[in-house]
Protein backbone atom coordinates (compact mmCIF):
# COMPACT_ATOMS: atom_id res chain seq x y z
CA MET A 1 0.00 0.00 0.00
CA THR A 2 1.33 3.43 -0.95
CA GLU A 3 1.07 6.28 1.51
CA VAL A 4 -0.20 9.51 -0.02
CA LYS A 5 0.16 12.83 1.79
CA ILE A 6 -2.23 15.62 0.96
CA HIS A 7 -1.24 19.15 1.95
CA ILE A 8 -4.04 21.72 2.11
CA ARG A 9 -3.13 24.95 3.84
CA PRO A 10 -5.79 27.46 4.98
CA ASN A 11 -5.75 30.78 3.15
CA ARG A 12 -8.65 33.25 3.39
CA ASN A 13 -7.72 34.81 0.02
CA VAL A 14 -8.73 31.68 -1.91
CA PRO A 15 -12.38 31.81 -3.06
CA ILE A 16 -14.74 29.53 -1.15
CA ALA A 17 -15.15 26.03 -2.67
CA LYS A 18 -11.93 26.47 -4.70
CA PHE A 19 -8.38 25.19 -4.31
CA SER A 20 -5.21 26.94 -5.44
CA PRO A 21 -1.68 25.57 -5.81
CA ASP A 22 0.43 26.36 -2.75
CA PRO A 23 3.56 28.28 -3.78
CA ASN A 24 5.31 27.23 -0.53
CA ILE A 25 4.61 23.47 -0.64
CA PRO A 26 5.35 21.61 -3.89
CA GLY A 27 2.27 19.57 -4.78
CA GLY A 28 0.30 21.25 -2.00
CA HIS A 29 -2.84 23.34 -2.20
CA MET A 30 -4.48 26.23 -0.39
CA ALA A 31 -8.17 26.62 0.39
CA HIS A 32 -10.36 28.95 2.41
CA PRO A 33 -10.81 27.59 5.98
CA GLN A 34 -14.57 27.31 5.36
CA THR A 35 -13.86 25.11 2.32
CA ILE A 36 -11.57 22.86 4.34
CA LYS A 37 -14.21 22.52 7.07
CA ALA A 38 -16.93 21.57 4.55
CA LEU A 39 -14.79 19.07 2.61
CA LYS A 40 -15.42 15.33 3.05
CA LYS A 41 -12.08 14.16 4.42
CA GLU A 42 -12.53 10.60 3.11
CA ILE A 43 -12.27 11.76 -0.51
CA LEU A 44 -8.63 12.58 0.15
CA THR A 45 -7.85 8.92 0.84
CA GLN A 46 -9.98 7.19 -1.80
CA ARG A 47 -9.33 6.74 -5.50
CA ILE A 48 -12.52 8.00 -7.10
CA ASN A 49 -13.24 9.06 -10.68
CA PHE A 50 -15.09 12.24 -9.76
CA GLU A 51 -16.08 13.27 -13.28
CA ASP A 52 -18.29 10.18 -13.63
CA ASP A 53 -19.99 10.60 -10.25
CA PHE A 54 -21.33 14.18 -10.31
CA ARG A 55 -24.19 14.39 -7.82
CA PRO A 56 -25.71 17.89 -7.92
CA TYR A 57 -27.39 19.25 -4.81
CA THR A 58 -29.01 22.66 -4.34
CA CYS A 59 -28.33 24.03 -0.87
CA LYS A 60 -31.60 24.73 0.90
CA LYS A 61 -30.19 27.83 2.61
CA CYS A 62 -28.07 29.67 0.00
CA LYS A 63 -29.32 27.93 -3.17
CA GLU A 64 -25.78 27.24 -4.47
CA ILE A 65 -25.46 24.05 -6.51
CA ILE A 66 -22.73 21.80 -5.16
CA ASP A 67 -21.50 18.28 -5.85
CA LEU A 68 -22.47 15.97 -2.98
CA GLN A 69 -19.45 13.73 -3.49
CA PHE A 70 -17.16 16.45 -2.07
CA TRP A 71 -19.00 18.13 0.79
CA ASN A 72 -20.31 17.39 4.32
CA LEU A 73 -21.53 20.98 4.61
CA CYS A 74 -22.32 23.59 2.01
CA PRO A 75 -18.94 25.25 1.44
CA PHE A 76 -20.64 28.60 0.78
CA CYS A 77 -22.90 28.97 3.84
CA GLU A 78 -21.90 25.97 6.04
CA GLU A 79 -25.47 24.62 6.06
CA LYS A 80 -25.58 20.93 6.98
CA ILE A 81 -26.38 18.72 4.00
CA ASN A 82 -29.25 16.30 4.62
C-alpha cells in the first residue's frame, strides 16, 4: 500500500469552494478555511473518478449548486447537508 500525503493549507484569500496551488509546498494546495471545514475528508484517501460521479445538490439555505461527493456541509454557507 502506498502512503499519499495531501497538503491543504488554509488561506482566506482563496475563493470559497476552490483550491489553489500552494507556492510554498510543492504539490500542496491552499483553500479557504470554510472550504476545508466543509470538505469530506474521506475523498482525500480514496481513488474515485469524480467526473463520472457528479451528484448535484441545491443548498436549501443559500441555493448554491454543489457536488455531494465532495461536501459534508455547504462550502458557501456551512449549512448541513441532509
